[in-house]
Amino acid sequence: MRIGPRDDWFTPASVRAFLHETWTVTPQLDRVGIRLQGPGPLHRSRHDELPSEGMVAGSIQVPPEGHPVLFLADHPVTGGYPVIAVVRTADLPAAAQLRPGRRVRFVRLT
């Protein structure tokens, strides 16, 4: 997983939490994406609006409530919430097999 492109929209503590905490797959999942629940919401450092921008499979977008969504095969082409990280393409087939209750951690690639 690569951090960014909008990790600067989050507090440093939230970026650390994203990288070091365990996330649980919620029942809110389908071919569009997987909503994740953590120990708490991720907090933004910026509160202005982000214009819609192109999305790729593997993007991890964080809506205002602070719970990440990992976009999968049928993801939208644009999004208006900041993307904190992007899962590498090689890991997407395994991510697509995750089921509710499974726990995941994200590892930053250098």
PDB file of N, CA and C in Angstrom:
ATOM      1  N   MET A   1       0.840  -1.154   0.000  1.00  0.00           N
ATOM      2  CA  MET A   1       0.000   0.000   0.000  1.00  0.00           C
ATOM      3  C   MET A   1       0.892   1.226   0.000  1.00  0.00           C
ATOM      4  N   ARG A   2       0.499   2.195  -0.798  1.00  0.00           N
ATOM      5  CA  ARG A   2       1.211   3.474  -0.849  1.00  0.00           C
ATOM      6  C   ARG A   2       0.355   4.527  -0.155  1.00  0.00           C
ATOM      7  N   ILE A   3       0.997   5.328   0.651  1.00  0.00           N
ATOM      8  CA  ILE A   3       0.294   6.401   1.352  1.00  0.00           C
ATOM      9  C   ILE A   3       0.020   7.522   0.355  1.00  0.00           C
ATOM     10  N   GLY A   4      -1.062   8.280   0.573  1.00  0.00           N
ATOM     11  CA  GLY A   4      -1.400   9.407  -0.284  1.00  0.00           C
ATOM     12  C   GLY A   4      -2.335   8.997  -1.399  1.00  0.00           C
ATOM     13  N   PRO A   5      -2.759   9.884  -2.233  1.00  0.00           N
ATOM     14  CA  PRO A   5      -2.171  11.189  -2.517  1.00  0.00           C
ATOM     15  C   PRO A   5      -2.673  12.322  -1.619  1.00  0.00           C
ATOM     16  N   ARG A   6      -3.655  12.079  -0.771  1.00  0.00           N
ATOM     17  CA  ARG A   6      -4.215  13.168   0.049  1.00  0.00           C
ATOM     18  C   ARG A   6      -4.004  12.930   1.535  1.00  0.00           C
ATOM     19  N   ASP A   7      -2.931  12.241   1.913  1.00  0.00           N
ATOM     20  CA  ASP A   7      -2.675  12.000   3.328  1.00  0.00           C
ATOM     21  C   ASP A   7      -2.477  13.304   4.093  1.00  0.00           C
ATOM     22  N   ASP A   8      -2.098  14.379   3.383  1.00  0.00           N
ATOM     23  CA  ASP A   8      -1.926  15.684   4.042  1.00  0.00           C
ATOM     24  C   ASP A   8      -3.255  16.303   4.473  1.00  0.00           C
ATOM     25  N   TRP A   9      -4.372  15.707   4.085  1.00  0.00           N
ATOM     26  CA  TRP A   9      -5.691  16.175   4.513  1.00  0.00           C
ATOM     27  C   TRP A   9      -6.071  15.607   5.876  1.00  0.00           C
ATOM     28  N   PHE A  10      -5.195  14.751   6.459  1.00  0.00           N
ATOM     29  CA  PHE A  10      -5.470  14.107   7.738  1.00  0.00           C
ATOM     30  C   PHE A  10      -4.457  14.541   8.777  1.00  0.00           C
ATOM     31  N   THR A  11      -4.869  14.500  10.037  1.00  0.00           N
ATOM     32  CA  THR A  11      -3.935  14.842  11.116  1.00  0.00           C
ATOM     33  C   THR A  11      -2.821  13.796  11.144  1.00  0.00           C
ATOM     34  N   PRO A  12      -1.630  14.180  11.601  1.00  0.00           N
ATOM     35  CA  PRO A  12      -0.550  13.193  11.711  1.00  0.00           C
ATOM     36  C   PRO A  12      -0.951  11.985  12.572  1.00  0.00           C
ATOM     37  N   ALA A  13      -1.708  12.216  13.632  1.00  0.00           N
ATOM     38  CA  ALA A  13      -2.155  11.108  14.488  1.00  0.00           C
ATOM     39  C   ALA A  13      -3.063  10.146  13.720  1.00  0.00           C
ATOM     40  N   SER A  14      -3.897  10.668  12.846  1.00  0.00           N
ATOM     41  CA  SER A  14      -4.788   9.809  12.067  1.00  0.00           C
ATOM     42  C   SER A  14      -4.021   9.012  11.022  1.00  0.00           C
ATOM     43  N   VAL A  15      -3.019   9.609  10.414  1.00  0.00           N
ATOM     44  CA  VAL A  15      -2.191   8.862   9.457  1.00  0.00           C
ATOM     45  C   VAL A  15      -1.472   7.733  10.195  1.00  0.00           C
ATOM     46  N   ARG A  16      -0.929   8.021  11.375  1.00  0.00           N
ATOM     47  CA  ARG A  16      -0.276   6.978  12.174  1.00  0.00           C
ATOM     48  C   ARG A  16      -1.270   5.876  12.543  1.00  0.00           C
ATOM     49  N   ALA A  17      -2.470   6.272  12.971  1.00  0.00           N
ATOM     50  CA  ALA A  17      -3.495   5.280  13.332  1.00  0.00           C
ATOM     51  C   ALA A  17      -3.857   4.416  12.133  1.00  0.00           C
ATOM     52  N   PHE A  18      -3.998   5.031  10.980  1.00  0.00           N
ATOM     53  CA  PHE A  18      -4.329   4.271   9.767  1.00  0.00           C
ATOM     54  C   PHE A  18      -3.278   3.188   9.515  1.00  0.00           C
ATOM     55  N   LEU A  19      -2.018   3.542   9.716  1.00  0.00           N
ATOM     56  CA  LEU A  19      -0.919   2.621   9.433  1.00  0.00           C
ATOM     57  C   LEU A  19      -0.645   1.606  10.539  1.00  0.00           C
ATOM     58  N   HIS A  20      -1.030   1.897  11.776  1.00  0.00           N
ATOM     59  CA  HIS A  20      -0.636   1.039  12.884  1.00  0.00           C
ATOM     60  C   HIS A  20      -1.788   0.304  13.563  1.00  0.00           C
ATOM     61  N   GLU A  21      -3.007   0.718  13.314  1.00  0.00           N
ATOM     62  CA  GLU A  21      -4.153   0.061  13.950  1.00  0.00           C
ATOM     63  C   GLU A  21      -4.675  -1.078  13.075  1.00  0.00           C
ATOM     64  N   THR A  22      -5.461  -1.934  13.676  1.00  0.00           N
ATOM     65  CA  THR A  22      -6.126  -3.011  12.956  1.00  0.00           C
ATOM     66  C   THR A  22      -7.526  -2.532  12.580  1.00  0.00           C
ATOM     67  N   TRP A  23      -7.928  -2.824  11.352  1.00  0.00           N
ATOM     68  CA  TRP A  23      -9.224  -2.403  10.816  1.00  0.00           C
ATOM     69  C   TRP A  23     -10.087  -3.633  10.599  1.00  0.00           C
ATOM     70  N   THR A  24     -11.376  -3.497  10.870  1.00  0.00           N
ATOM     71  CA  THR A  24     -12.318  -4.609  10.737  1.00  0.00           C
ATOM     72  C   THR A  24     -13.240  -4.355   9.554  1.00  0.00           C
ATOM     73  N   VAL A  25     -13.422  -5.380   8.734  1.00  0.00           N
ATOM     74  CA  VAL A  25     -14.331  -5.305   7.591  1.00  0.00           C
ATOM     75  C   VAL A  25     -15.757  -5.309   8.126  1.00  0.00           C
ATOM     76  N   THR A  26     -16.550  -4.325   7.712  1.00  0.00           N
ATOM     77  CA  THR A  26     -17.946  -4.241   8.145  1.00  0.00           C
ATOM     78  C   THR A  26     -18.837  -5.014   7.171  1.00  0.00           C
ATOM     79  N   PRO A  27     -20.099  -5.216   7.501  1.00  0.00           N
ATOM     80  CA  PRO A  27     -21.027  -5.852   6.560  1.00  0.00           C
ATOM     81  C   PRO A  27     -21.321  -4.979   5.337  1.00  0.00           C
ATOM     82  N   GLN A  28     -20.893  -3.728   5.357  1.00  0.00           N
ATOM     83  CA  GLN A  28     -21.102  -2.833   4.220  1.00  0.00           C
ATOM     84  C   GLN A  28     -19.994  -3.054   3.202  1.00  0.00           C
ATOM     85  N   LEU A  29     -20.186  -4.075   2.339  1.00  0.00           N
ATOM     86  CA  LEU A  29     -19.206  -4.374   1.309  1.00  0.00           C
ATOM     87  C   LEU A  29     -19.907  -4.962   0.100  1.00  0.00           C
ATOM     88  N   ASP A  30     -19.322  -4.702  -1.046  1.00  0.00           N
ATOM     89  CA  ASP A  30     -19.799  -5.247  -2.311  1.00  0.00           C
ATOM     90  C   ASP A  30     -18.688  -5.063  -3.330  1.00  0.00           C
ATOM     91  N   ARG A  31     -19.014  -5.185  -4.609  1.00  0.00           N
ATOM     92  CA  ARG A  31     -17.985  -5.044  -5.646  1.00  0.00           C
ATOM     93  C   ARG A  31     -17.487  -3.601  -5.775  1.00  0.00           C
ATOM     94  N   VAL A  32     -18.211  -2.651  -5.231  1.00  0.00           N
ATOM     95  CA  VAL A  32     -17.782  -1.246  -5.256  1.00  0.00           C
ATOM     96  C   VAL A  32     -16.681  -1.028  -4.229  1.00  0.00           C
ATOM     97  N   GLY A  33     -16.881  -1.528  -3.017  1.00  0.00           N
ATOM     98  CA  GLY A  33     -15.883  -1.288  -1.995  1.00  0.00           C
ATOM     99  C   GLY A  33     -16.192  -1.965  -0.678  1.00  0.00           C
ATOM    100  N   ILE A  34     -15.247  -1.789   0.235  1.00  0.00           N
ATOM    101  CA  ILE A  34     -15.326  -2.376   1.569  1.00  0.00           C
ATOM    102  C   ILE A  34     -15.198  -1.250   2.583  1.00  0.00           C
ATOM    103  N   ARG A  35     -16.216  -1.094   3.429  1.00  0.00           N
ATOM    104  CA  ARG A  35     -16.131  -0.103   4.508  1.00  0.00           C
ATOM    105  C   ARG A  35     -15.434  -0.754   5.692  1.00  0.00           C
ATOM    106  N   LEU A  36     -14.499  -0.016   6.281  1.00  0.00           N
ATOM    107  CA  LEU A  36     -13.697  -0.517   7.395  1.00  0.00           C
ATOM    108  C   LEU A  36     -14.019   0.251   8.669  1.00  0.00           C
ATOM    109  N   GLN A  37     -13.928  -0.444   9.777  1.00  0.00           N
ATOM    110  CA  GLN A  37     -14.151   0.163  11.087  1.00  0.00           C
ATOM    111  C   GLN A  37     -12.884  -0.025  11.898  1.00  0.00           C
ATOM    112  N   GLY A  38     -12.443   1.045  12.538  1.00  0.00           N
ATOM    113  CA  GLY A  38     -11.245   0.969  13.367  1.00  0.00           C
ATOM    114  C   GLY A  38     -11.553   1.345  14.794  1.00  0.00           C
ATOM    115  N   PRO A  39     -10.506   1.633  15.555  1.00  0.00           N
ATOM    116  CA  PRO A  39     -10.704   1.996  16.955  1.00  0.00           C
ATOM    117  C   PRO A  39     -11.379   3.354  17.109  1.00  0.00           C
ATOM    118  N   GLY A  40     -11.419   4.111  16.053  1.00  0.00           N
ATOM    119  CA  GLY A  40     -12.056   5.420  16.059  1.00  0.00           C
ATOM    120  C   GLY A  40     -11.970   6.007  14.670  1.00  0.00           C
ATOM    121  N   PRO A  41     -12.655   7.107  14.435  1.00  0.00           N
ATOM    122  CA  PRO A  41     -12.612   7.713  13.097  1.00  0.00           C
ATOM    123  C   PRO A  41     -11.268   8.386  12.837  1.00  0.00           C
ATOM    124  N   LEU A  42     -10.932   8.493  11.558  1.00  0.00           N
ATOM    125  CA  LEU A  42      -9.767   9.263  11.149  1.00  0.00           C
ATOM    126  C   LEU A  42     -10.191  10.725  11.063  1.00  0.00           C
ATOM    127  N   HIS A  43      -9.352  11.610  11.555  1.00  0.00           N
ATOM    128  CA  HIS A  43      -9.680  13.031  11.603  1.00  0.00           C
ATOM    129  C   HIS A  43      -8.911  13.807  10.549  1.00  0.00           C
ATOM    130  N   ARG A  44      -9.615  14.746   9.938  1.00  0.00           N
ATOM    131  CA  ARG A  44      -8.992  15.579   8.911  1.00  0.00           C
ATOM    132  C   ARG A  44      -8.304  16.783   9.523  1.00  0.00           C
ATOM    133  N   SER A  45      -7.243  17.211   8.862  1.00  0.00           N
ATOM    134  CA  SER A  45      -6.572  18.456   9.235  1.00  0.00           C
ATOM    135  C   SER A  45      -7.117  19.608   8.396  1.00  0.00           C
ATOM    136  N   ARG A  46      -7.762  19.259   7.279  1.00  0.00           N
ATOM    137  CA  ARG A  46      -8.387  20.261   6.403  1.00  0.00           C
ATOM    138  C   ARG A  46      -9.870  19.951   6.328  1.00  0.00           C
ATOM    139  N   HIS A  47     -10.682  21.006   6.339  1.00  0.00           N
ATOM    140  CA  HIS A  47     -12.127  20.792   6.341  1.00  0.00           C
ATOM    141  C   HIS A  47     -12.822  21.435   5.148  1.00  0.00           C
ATOM    142  N   ASP A  48     -12.048  21.961   4.203  1.00  0.00           N
ATOM    143  CA  ASP A  48     -12.672  22.508   3.005  1.00  0.00           C
ATOM    144  C   ASP A  48     -13.075  21.350   2.089  1.00  0.00           C
ATOM    145  N   GLU A  49     -13.744  21.675   0.992  1.00  0.00           N
ATOM    146  CA  GLU A  49     -14.199  20.634   0.082  1.00  0.00           C
ATOM    147  C   GLU A  49     -13.130  20.310  -0.935  1.00  0.00           C
ATOM    148  N   LEU A  50     -13.053  19.052  -1.278  1.00  0.00           N
ATOM    149  CA  LEU A  50     -12.114  18.576  -2.280  1.00  0.00           C
ATOM    150  C   LEU A  50     -12.883  18.373  -3.573  1.00  0.00           C
ATOM    151  N   PRO A  51     -12.422  18.954  -4.678  1.00  0.00           N
ATOM    152  CA  PRO A  51     -13.126  18.710  -5.944  1.00  0.00           C
ATOM    153  C   PRO A  51     -13.060  17.225  -6.314  1.00  0.00           C
ATOM    154  N   SER A  52     -14.046  16.757  -7.051  1.00  0.00           N
ATOM    155  CA  SER A  52     -14.020  15.367  -7.499  1.00  0.00           C
ATOM    156  C   SER A  52     -12.762  15.124  -8.326  1.00  0.00           C
ATOM    157  N   GLU A  53     -12.186  13.944  -8.153  1.00  0.00           N
ATOM    158  CA  GLU A  53     -11.007  13.582  -8.926  1.00  0.00           C
ATOM    159  C   GLU A  53     -11.074  12.098  -9.247  1.00  0.00           C
ATOM    160  N   GLY A  54     -10.303  11.672 -10.215  1.00  0.00           N
ATOM    161  CA  GLY A  54     -10.327  10.290 -10.661  1.00  0.00           C
ATOM    162  C   GLY A  54      -9.948   9.315  -9.564  1.00  0.00           C
ATOM    163  N   MET A  55     -10.590   8.167  -9.572  1.00  0.00           N
ATOM    164  CA  MET A  55     -10.330   7.103  -8.599  1.00  0.00           C
ATOM    165  C   MET A  55      -9.784   5.890  -9.338  1.00  0.00           C
ATOM    166  N   VAL A  56      -8.952   5.130  -8.660  1.00  0.00           N
ATOM    167  CA  VAL A  56      -8.468   3.861  -9.182  1.00  0.00           C
ATOM    168  C   VAL A  56      -8.863   2.773  -8.197  1.00  0.00           C
ATOM    169  N   ALA A  57      -8.978   1.546  -8.684  1.00  0.00           N
ATOM    170  CA  ALA A  57      -9.221   0.428  -7.777  1.00  0.00           C
ATOM    171  C   ALA A  57      -8.072   0.389  -6.779  1.00  0.00           C
ATOM    172  N   GLY A  58      -8.398   0.177  -5.518  1.00  0.00           N
ATOM    173  CA  GLY A  58      -7.402   0.164  -4.460  1.00  0.00           C
ATOM    174  C   GLY A  58      -7.333   1.466  -3.683  1.00  0.00           C
ATOM    175  N   SER A  59      -7.976   2.525  -4.196  1.00  0.00           N
ATOM    176  CA  SER A  59      -8.011   3.790  -3.459  1.00  0.00           C
ATOM    177  C   SER A  59      -8.729   3.585  -2.137  1.00  0.00           C
ATOM    178  N   ILE A  60      -8.208   4.207  -1.089  1.00  0.00           N
ATOM    179  CA  ILE A  60      -8.864   4.163   0.218  1.00  0.00           C
ATOM    180  C   ILE A  60      -9.317   5.575   0.526  1.00  0.00           C
ATOM    181  N   GLN A  61     -10.604   5.800   0.307  1.00  0.00           N
ATOM    182  CA  GLN A  61     -11.209   7.113   0.480  1.00  0.00           C
ATOM    183  C   GLN A  61     -11.807   7.197   1.885  1.00  0.00           C
ATOM    184  N   VAL A  62     -11.743   8.382   2.470  1.00  0.00           N
ATOM    185  CA  VAL A  62     -12.270   8.554   3.820  1.00  0.00           C
ATOM    186  C   VAL A  62     -13.377   9.616   3.803  1.00  0.00           C
ATOM    187  N   PRO A  63     -14.633   9.181   3.902  1.00  0.00           N
ATOM    188  CA  PRO A  63     -15.756  10.118   3.969  1.00  0.00           C
ATOM    189  C   PRO A  63     -15.720  10.913   5.280  1.00  0.00           C
ATOM    190  N   PRO A  64     -16.575  11.923   5.415  1.00  0.00           N
ATOM    191  CA  PRO A  64     -16.547  12.792   6.598  1.00  0.00           C
ATOM    192  C   PRO A  64     -16.671  12.085   7.946  1.00  0.00           C
ATOM    193  N   GLU A  65     -17.367  10.955   8.015  1.00  0.00           N
ATOM    194  CA  GLU A  65     -17.508  10.281   9.318  1.00  0.00           C
ATOM    195  C   GLU A  65     -16.208   9.617   9.758  1.00  0.00           C
ATOM    196  N   GLY A  66     -15.198   9.526   8.859  1.00  0.00           N
ATOM    197  CA  GLY A  66     -13.873   9.087   9.249  1.00  0.00           C
ATOM    198  C   GLY A  66     -13.576   7.610   9.143  1.00  0.00           C
ATOM    199  N   HIS A  67     -14.474   6.818   8.540  1.00  0.00           N
ATOM    200  CA  HIS A  67     -14.240   5.385   8.393  1.00  0.00           C
ATOM    201  C   HIS A  67     -13.854   5.084   6.950  1.00  0.00           C
ATOM    202  N   PRO A  68     -12.667   4.517   6.725  1.00  0.00           N
ATOM    203  CA  PRO A  68     -12.157   4.307   5.367  1.00  0.00           C
ATOM    204  C   PRO A  68     -13.007   3.351   4.543  1.00  0.00           C
ATOM    205  N   VAL A  69     -12.975   3.588   3.223  1.00  0.00           N
ATOM    206  CA  VAL A  69     -13.626   2.714   2.255  1.00  0.00           C
ATOM    207  C   VAL A  69     -12.575   2.333   1.217  1.00  0.00           C
ATOM    208  N   LEU A  70     -12.340   1.033   1.057  1.00  0.00           N
ATOM    209  CA  LEU A  70     -11.407   0.521   0.065  1.00  0.00           C
ATOM    210  C   LEU A  70     -12.183   0.234  -1.209  1.00  0.00           C
ATOM    211  N   PHE A  71     -11.860   0.951  -2.285  1.00  0.00           N
ATOM    212  CA  PHE A  71     -12.560   0.771  -3.553  1.00  0.00           C
ATOM    213  C   PHE A  71     -12.065  -0.464  -4.292  1.00  0.00           C
ATOM    214  N   LEU A  72     -13.030  -1.226  -4.836  1.00  0.00           N
ATOM    215  CA  LEU A  72     -12.736  -2.460  -5.557  1.00  0.00           C
ATOM    216  C   LEU A  72     -13.102  -2.327  -7.034  1.00  0.00           C
ATOM    217  N   ALA A  73     -13.415  -3.429  -7.687  1.00  0.00           N
ATOM    218  CA  ALA A  73     -13.597  -3.502  -9.138  1.00  0.00           C
ATOM    219  C   ALA A  73     -14.631  -2.527  -9.700  1.00  0.00           C
ATOM    220  N   ASP A  74     -15.774  -2.359  -9.050  1.00  0.00           N
ATOM    221  CA  ASP A  74     -16.842  -1.507  -9.584  1.00  0.00           C
ATOM    222  C   ASP A  74     -16.880  -0.136  -8.915  1.00  0.00           C
ATOM    223  N   HIS A  75     -15.727   0.358  -8.510  1.00  0.00           N
ATOM    224  CA  HIS A  75     -15.633   1.651  -7.832  1.00  0.00           C
ATOM    225  C   HIS A  75     -16.095   2.781  -8.748  1.00  0.00           C
ATOM    226  N   PRO A  76     -16.487   3.925  -8.154  1.00  0.00           N
ATOM    227  CA  PRO A  76     -16.855   5.073  -8.989  1.00  0.00           C
ATOM    228  C   PRO A  76     -15.619   5.613  -9.697  1.00  0.00           C
ATOM    229  N   VAL A  77     -15.856   6.321 -10.789  1.00  0.00           N
ATOM    230  CA  VAL A  77     -14.721   6.880 -11.537  1.00  0.00           C
ATOM    231  C   VAL A  77     -14.194   8.164 -10.917  1.00  0.00           C
ATOM    232  N   THR A  78     -15.053   8.849 -10.148  1.00  0.00           N
ATOM    233  CA  THR A  78     -14.599  10.055  -9.449  1.00  0.00           C
ATOM    234  C   THR A  78     -15.043   9.993  -7.999  1.00  0.00           C
ATOM    235  N   GLY A  79     -14.355  10.761  -7.185  1.00  0.00           N
ATOM    236  CA  GLY A  79     -14.705  10.839  -5.777  1.00  0.00           C
ATOM    237  C   GLY A  79     -14.437  12.228  -5.256  1.00  0.00           C
ATOM    238  N   GLY A  80     -15.083  12.587  -4.179  1.00  0.00           N
ATOM    239  CA  GLY A  80     -14.920  13.919  -3.625  1.00  0.00           C
ATOM    240  C   GLY A  80     -14.372  13.942  -2.212  1.00  0.00           C
ATOM    241  N   TYR A  81     -13.970  12.769  -1.698  1.00  0.00           N
ATOM    242  CA  TYR A  81     -13.383  12.699  -0.367  1.00  0.00           C
ATOM    243  C   TYR A  81     -11.903  12.379  -0.510  1.00  0.00           C
ATOM    244  N   PRO A  82     -11.090  12.783   0.463  1.00  0.00           N
ATOM    245  CA  PRO A  82      -9.654  12.546   0.324  1.00  0.00           C
ATOM    246  C   PRO A  82      -9.281  11.060   0.383  1.00  0.00           C
ATOM    247  N   VAL A  83      -8.288  10.714  -0.424  1.00  0.00           N
ATOM    248  CA  VAL A  83      -7.750   9.353  -0.471  1.00  0.00           C
ATOM    249  C   VAL A  83      -6.485   9.333   0.377  1.00  0.00           C
ATOM    250  N   ILE A  84      -6.522   8.568   1.463  1.00  0.00           N
ATOM    251  CA  ILE A  84      -5.396   8.512   2.383  1.00  0.00           C
ATOM    252  C   ILE A  84      -4.291   7.577   1.884  1.00  0.00           C
ATOM    253  N   ALA A  85      -4.670   6.567   1.075  1.00  0.00           N
ATOM    254  CA  ALA A  85      -3.685   5.598   0.590  1.00  0.00           C
ATOM    255  C   ALA A  85      -4.276   4.822  -0.586  1.00  0.00           C
ATOM    256  N   VAL A  86      -3.411   4.055  -1.243  1.00  0.00           N
ATOM    257  CA  VAL A  86      -3.838   3.209  -2.361  1.00  0.00           C
ATOM    258  C   VAL A  86      -3.196   1.835  -2.188  1.00  0.00           C
ATOM    259  N   VAL A  87      -4.036   0.803  -2.198  1.00  0.00           N
ATOM    260  CA  VAL A  87      -3.567  -0.581  -2.099  1.00  0.00           C
ATOM    261  C   VAL A  87      -3.008  -0.981  -3.460  1.00  0.00           C
ATOM    262  N   ARG A  88      -1.873  -1.663  -3.444  1.00  0.00           N
ATOM    263  CA  ARG A  88      -1.260  -2.044  -4.718  1.00  0.00           C
ATOM    264  C   ARG A  88      -2.128  -3.060  -5.455  1.00  0.00           C
ATOM    265  N   THR A  89      -2.098  -3.004  -6.765  1.00  0.00           N
ATOM    266  CA  THR A  89      -2.936  -3.834  -7.625  1.00  0.00           C
ATOM    267  C   THR A  89      -2.790  -5.320  -7.313  1.00  0.00           C
ATOM    268  N   ALA A  90      -1.583  -5.770  -7.030  1.00  0.00           N
ATOM    269  CA  ALA A  90      -1.346  -7.190  -6.762  1.00  0.00           C
ATOM    270  C   ALA A  90      -2.094  -7.686  -5.521  1.00  0.00           C
ATOM    271  N   ASP A  91      -2.441  -6.786  -4.599  1.00  0.00           N
ATOM    272  CA  ASP A  91      -3.134  -7.183  -3.371  1.00  0.00           C
ATOM    273  C   ASP A  91      -4.656  -7.091  -3.470  1.00  0.00           C
ATOM    274  N   LEU A  92      -5.169  -6.546  -4.566  1.00  0.00           N
ATOM    275  CA  LEU A  92      -6.623  -6.365  -4.683  1.00  0.00           C
ATOM    276  C   LEU A  92      -7.414  -7.669  -4.747  1.00  0.00           C
ATOM    277  N   PRO A  93      -6.944  -8.722  -5.438  1.00  0.00           N
ATOM    278  CA  PRO A  93      -7.720  -9.970  -5.415  1.00  0.00           C
ATOM    279  C   PRO A  93      -7.916 -10.516  -3.998  1.00  0.00           C
ATOM    280  N   ALA A  94      -6.896 -10.437  -3.162  1.00  0.00           N
ATOM    281  CA  ALA A  94      -7.035 -10.901  -1.776  1.00  0.00           C
ATOM    282  C   ALA A  94      -7.991  -9.989  -1.007  1.00  0.00           C
ATOM    283  N   ALA A  95      -7.898  -8.687  -1.229  1.00  0.00           N
ATOM    284  CA  ALA A  95      -8.796  -7.747  -0.549  1.00  0.00           C
ATOM    285  C   ALA A  95     -10.252  -8.003  -0.937  1.00  0.00           C
ATOM    286  N   ALA A  96     -10.477  -8.342  -2.192  1.00  0.00           N
ATOM    287  CA  ALA A  96     -11.843  -8.585  -2.665  1.00  0.00           C
ATOM    288  C   ALA A  96     -12.466  -9.809  -2.009  1.00  0.00           C
ATOM    289  N   GLN A  97     -11.670 -10.682  -1.427  1.00  0.00           N
ATOM    290  CA  GLN A  97     -12.176 -11.892  -0.770  1.00  0.00           C
ATOM    291  C   GLN A  97     -12.470 -11.684   0.719  1.00  0.00           C
ATOM    292  N   LEU A  98     -12.176 -10.495   1.240  1.00  0.00           N
ATOM    293  CA  LEU A  98     -12.421 -10.228   2.664  1.00  0.00           C
ATOM    294  C   LEU A  98     -13.911 -10.286   2.976  1.00  0.00           C
ATOM    295  N   ARG A  99     -14.232 -10.797   4.133  1.00  0.00           N
ATOM    296  CA  ARG A  99     -15.617 -10.925   4.571  1.00  0.00           C
ATOM    297  C   ARG A  99     -15.812 -10.159   5.872  1.00  0.00           C
ATOM    298  N   PRO A 100     -17.069  -9.827   6.210  1.00  0.00           N
ATOM    299  CA  PRO A 100     -17.339  -9.102   7.452  1.00  0.00           C
ATOM    300  C   PRO A 100     -16.687  -9.778   8.658  1.00  0.00           C
ATOM    301  N   GLY A 101     -16.114  -8.942   9.502  1.00  0.00           N
ATOM    302  CA  GLY A 101     -15.465  -9.427  10.706  1.00  0.00           C
ATOM    303  C   GLY A 101     -13.977  -9.691  10.548  1.00  0.00           C
ATOM    304  N   ARG A 102     -13.495  -9.828   9.312  1.00  0.00           N
ATOM    305  CA  ARG A 102     -12.060 -10.033   9.104  1.00  0.00           C
ATOM    306  C   ARG A 102     -11.318  -8.772   9.509  1.00  0.00           C
ATOM    307  N   ARG A 103     -10.116  -8.958  10.008  1.00  0.00           N
ATOM    308  CA  ARG A 103      -9.303  -7.825  10.460  1.00  0.00           C
ATOM    309  C   ARG A 103      -8.111  -7.672   9.526  1.00  0.00           C
ATOM    310  N   VAL A 104      -7.781  -6.430   9.213  1.00  0.00           N
ATOM    311  CA  VAL A 104      -6.671  -6.147   8.302  1.00  0.00           C
ATOM    312  C   VAL A 104      -5.806  -5.027   8.863  1.00  0.00           C
ATOM    313  N   ARG A 105      -4.564  -5.029   8.432  1.00  0.00           N
ATOM    314  CA  ARG A 105      -3.640  -3.927   8.733  1.00  0.00           C
ATOM    315  C   ARG A 105      -3.013  -3.505   7.418  1.00  0.00           C
ATOM    316  N   PHE A 106      -2.685  -2.250   7.336  1.00  0.00           N
ATOM    317  CA  PHE A 106      -2.069  -1.717   6.129  1.00  0.00           C
ATOM    318  C   PHE A 106      -0.582  -1.512   6.362  1.00  0.00           C
ATOM    319  N   VAL A 107       0.221  -1.905   5.383  1.00  0.00           N
ATOM    320  CA  VAL A 107       1.662  -1.796   5.463  1.00  0.00           C
ATOM    321  C   VAL A 107       2.114  -0.810   4.389  1.00  0.00           C
ATOM    322  N   ARG A 108       2.848   0.175   4.806  1.00  0.00           N
ATOM    323  CA  ARG A 108       3.347   1.194   3.897  1.00  0.00           C
ATOM    324  C   ARG A 108       4.502   0.655   3.071  1.00  0.00           C
ATOM    325  N   LEU A 109       4.413   0.827   1.749  1.00  0.00           N
ATOM    326  CA  LEU A 109       5.499   0.436   0.859  1.00  0.00           C
ATOM    327  C   LEU A 109       6.435   1.614   0.677  1.00  0.00           C
ATOM    328  N   THR A 110       7.697   1.327   0.534  1.00  0.00           N
ATOM    329  CA  THR A 110       8.664   2.413   0.331  1.00  0.00           C
ATOM    330  C   THR A 110       9.038   2.525  -1.120  1.00  0.00           C
TER     331      THR A 110
END
